[in-house]
N, C-alpha and C. Protein backbone atom coordinates (compact mmCIF):
# COMPACT_ATOMS: atom_id res chain seq x y z
N MET A 1 -78.13 -5.42 14.39
CA MET A 1 -78.16 -6.81 14.82
C MET A 1 -79.07 -7.59 13.87
N PRO A 2 -78.63 -8.77 13.43
CA PRO A 2 -79.50 -9.59 12.58
C PRO A 2 -80.69 -10.12 13.39
N VAL A 3 -81.72 -10.57 12.70
CA VAL A 3 -82.90 -11.10 13.39
C VAL A 3 -82.48 -12.31 14.22
N PRO A 4 -82.76 -12.29 15.53
CA PRO A 4 -82.34 -13.41 16.38
C PRO A 4 -83.25 -14.62 16.18
N GLU A 5 -82.81 -15.75 16.68
CA GLU A 5 -83.59 -16.99 16.62
C GLU A 5 -84.35 -17.17 17.93
N VAL A 6 -85.43 -17.95 17.87
CA VAL A 6 -86.19 -18.29 19.08
C VAL A 6 -85.23 -18.99 20.05
N GLY A 7 -85.28 -18.58 21.31
CA GLY A 7 -84.42 -19.15 22.33
C GLY A 7 -83.13 -18.39 22.55
N GLN A 8 -82.81 -17.46 21.67
CA GLN A 8 -81.58 -16.68 21.80
C GLN A 8 -81.73 -15.66 22.92
N ILE A 9 -80.65 -15.42 23.65
CA ILE A 9 -80.64 -14.43 24.72
C ILE A 9 -80.22 -13.08 24.16
N VAL A 10 -80.99 -12.05 24.49
CA VAL A 10 -80.71 -10.69 24.04
C VAL A 10 -80.91 -9.74 25.21
N HIS A 11 -80.60 -8.49 24.99
CA HIS A 11 -80.80 -7.44 26.00
C HIS A 11 -81.53 -6.26 25.37
N LEU A 12 -82.18 -5.50 26.21
CA LEU A 12 -82.78 -4.23 25.81
C LEU A 12 -82.17 -3.14 26.67
N GLU A 13 -81.91 -2.00 26.06
CA GLU A 13 -81.41 -0.87 26.83
C GLU A 13 -82.47 -0.48 27.86
N ASN A 14 -82.05 -0.15 29.05
CA ASN A 14 -82.92 0.25 30.16
C ASN A 14 -83.77 -0.88 30.72
N VAL A 15 -83.48 -2.13 30.36
CA VAL A 15 -84.15 -3.28 30.95
C VAL A 15 -83.07 -4.17 31.54
N GLU A 16 -83.15 -4.38 32.84
CA GLU A 16 -82.12 -5.16 33.52
C GLU A 16 -82.37 -6.66 33.33
N GLY A 17 -81.31 -7.40 33.15
CA GLY A 17 -81.42 -8.85 33.03
C GLY A 17 -81.44 -9.34 31.60
N ARG A 18 -81.39 -10.67 31.50
CA ARG A 18 -81.37 -11.29 30.19
C ARG A 18 -82.80 -11.58 29.73
N LEU A 19 -83.00 -11.46 28.45
CA LEU A 19 -84.30 -11.73 27.85
C LEU A 19 -84.14 -12.82 26.80
N VAL A 20 -85.15 -13.67 26.69
CA VAL A 20 -85.11 -14.77 25.73
C VAL A 20 -86.14 -14.49 24.63
N VAL A 21 -85.71 -14.71 23.40
CA VAL A 21 -86.61 -14.52 22.27
C VAL A 21 -87.64 -15.65 22.27
N LYS A 22 -88.92 -15.27 22.33
CA LYS A 22 -90.01 -16.25 22.38
C LYS A 22 -90.61 -16.46 20.99
N GLU A 23 -90.72 -15.39 20.21
CA GLU A 23 -91.31 -15.46 18.89
C GLU A 23 -90.66 -14.43 17.99
N VAL A 24 -90.52 -14.76 16.70
CA VAL A 24 -89.88 -13.88 15.73
C VAL A 24 -90.84 -13.62 14.59
N ASP A 25 -90.99 -12.35 14.21
CA ASP A 25 -91.75 -11.97 13.02
C ASP A 25 -90.76 -11.33 12.06
N GLU A 26 -90.18 -12.16 11.17
CA GLU A 26 -89.14 -11.66 10.27
C GLU A 26 -89.66 -10.61 9.31
N GLU A 27 -90.90 -10.75 8.88
CA GLU A 27 -91.48 -9.79 7.94
C GLU A 27 -91.58 -8.40 8.56
N ALA A 28 -92.05 -8.35 9.81
CA ALA A 28 -92.20 -7.06 10.50
C ALA A 28 -90.92 -6.64 11.20
N GLN A 29 -89.91 -7.56 11.26
CA GLN A 29 -88.66 -7.28 11.96
C GLN A 29 -88.89 -6.95 13.43
N THR A 30 -89.76 -7.76 14.08
CA THR A 30 -90.01 -7.61 15.51
C THR A 30 -89.88 -8.97 16.19
N VAL A 31 -89.69 -8.93 17.51
CA VAL A 31 -89.62 -10.14 18.31
C VAL A 31 -90.44 -9.97 19.58
N ASP A 32 -90.91 -11.08 20.13
CA ASP A 32 -91.53 -11.10 21.44
C ASP A 32 -90.51 -11.68 22.40
N LEU A 33 -90.36 -11.07 23.56
CA LEU A 33 -89.34 -11.46 24.52
C LEU A 33 -89.96 -11.82 25.86
N VAL A 34 -89.30 -12.71 26.61
CA VAL A 34 -89.67 -13.02 27.98
C VAL A 34 -88.41 -12.97 28.83
N SER A 35 -88.58 -12.66 30.11
CA SER A 35 -87.42 -12.59 31.00
C SER A 35 -86.86 -13.99 31.23
N ALA A 36 -85.53 -14.07 31.35
CA ALA A 36 -84.86 -15.35 31.53
C ALA A 36 -84.84 -15.77 33.00
N HIS A 37 -84.84 -14.83 33.91
CA HIS A 37 -84.75 -15.13 35.35
C HIS A 37 -85.54 -14.08 36.11
N GLY A 38 -85.81 -14.37 37.36
CA GLY A 38 -86.47 -13.40 38.22
C GLY A 38 -87.95 -13.28 37.93
N THR A 39 -88.48 -12.09 38.16
CA THR A 39 -89.89 -11.84 37.96
C THR A 39 -90.27 -12.03 36.50
N PRO A 40 -91.26 -12.87 36.21
CA PRO A 40 -91.66 -13.08 34.81
C PRO A 40 -92.16 -11.77 34.19
N ARG A 41 -91.55 -11.43 33.08
CA ARG A 41 -91.95 -10.23 32.33
C ARG A 41 -91.92 -10.57 30.86
N SER A 42 -92.77 -9.91 30.10
CA SER A 42 -92.75 -10.15 28.67
C SER A 42 -92.81 -8.81 27.94
N PHE A 43 -92.25 -8.80 26.75
CA PHE A 43 -92.22 -7.61 25.91
C PHE A 43 -92.64 -8.06 24.52
N GLY A 44 -93.70 -7.48 23.99
CA GLY A 44 -94.20 -7.90 22.68
C GLY A 44 -93.85 -6.91 21.59
N LYS A 45 -93.65 -7.45 20.40
CA LYS A 45 -93.43 -6.66 19.19
C LYS A 45 -92.30 -5.63 19.34
N VAL A 46 -91.17 -6.10 19.85
CA VAL A 46 -89.99 -5.24 20.02
C VAL A 46 -89.24 -5.19 18.69
N PRO A 47 -88.97 -4.01 18.15
CA PRO A 47 -88.21 -3.93 16.90
C PRO A 47 -86.80 -4.52 17.07
N VAL A 48 -86.39 -5.30 16.09
CA VAL A 48 -85.06 -5.92 16.12
C VAL A 48 -83.98 -4.85 16.28
N ALA A 49 -84.18 -3.68 15.70
CA ALA A 49 -83.20 -2.59 15.77
C ALA A 49 -82.96 -2.13 17.21
N ASP A 50 -83.90 -2.39 18.12
CA ASP A 50 -83.77 -1.96 19.52
C ASP A 50 -83.00 -2.97 20.38
N LEU A 51 -82.71 -4.14 19.84
CA LEU A 51 -82.06 -5.19 20.63
C LEU A 51 -80.56 -4.98 20.74
N LEU A 52 -80.02 -5.42 21.86
CA LEU A 52 -78.58 -5.46 22.06
C LEU A 52 -78.21 -6.93 22.14
N PRO A 53 -77.06 -7.33 21.60
CA PRO A 53 -76.69 -8.74 21.64
C PRO A 53 -76.50 -9.25 23.06
N GLY A 54 -76.82 -10.52 23.26
CA GLY A 54 -76.61 -11.18 24.55
C GLY A 54 -75.32 -11.97 24.50
N GLU A 55 -75.15 -12.84 25.48
CA GLU A 55 -73.95 -13.65 25.53
C GLU A 55 -73.97 -14.68 24.41
N ASP A 56 -72.80 -14.98 23.89
CA ASP A 56 -72.66 -16.03 22.89
C ASP A 56 -72.37 -17.31 23.65
N LEU A 57 -73.38 -18.17 23.77
CA LEU A 57 -73.23 -19.40 24.54
C LEU A 57 -72.70 -20.55 23.70
N SER A 58 -72.46 -20.31 22.41
CA SER A 58 -72.01 -21.38 21.53
C SER A 58 -70.51 -21.64 21.64
N ALA A 59 -69.77 -20.65 22.12
CA ALA A 59 -68.30 -20.79 22.23
C ALA A 59 -67.96 -21.35 23.60
N GLY A 60 -67.84 -22.64 23.71
CA GLY A 60 -67.55 -23.14 25.02
C GLY A 60 -67.08 -24.48 25.04
């Protein structure tokens, strides 16, 4: 998966729900994520290689 943009929705394996990219470190190829709904959760310095694509909201 290419490096996502801030605000993009992504998923992580074994994490339920949608996650939103909060910050991108292109040099380190990591992102910080926050939960989109429900209980607020955050995930820091997640390798881009671990991300699964989210919904494409641009086609509509």
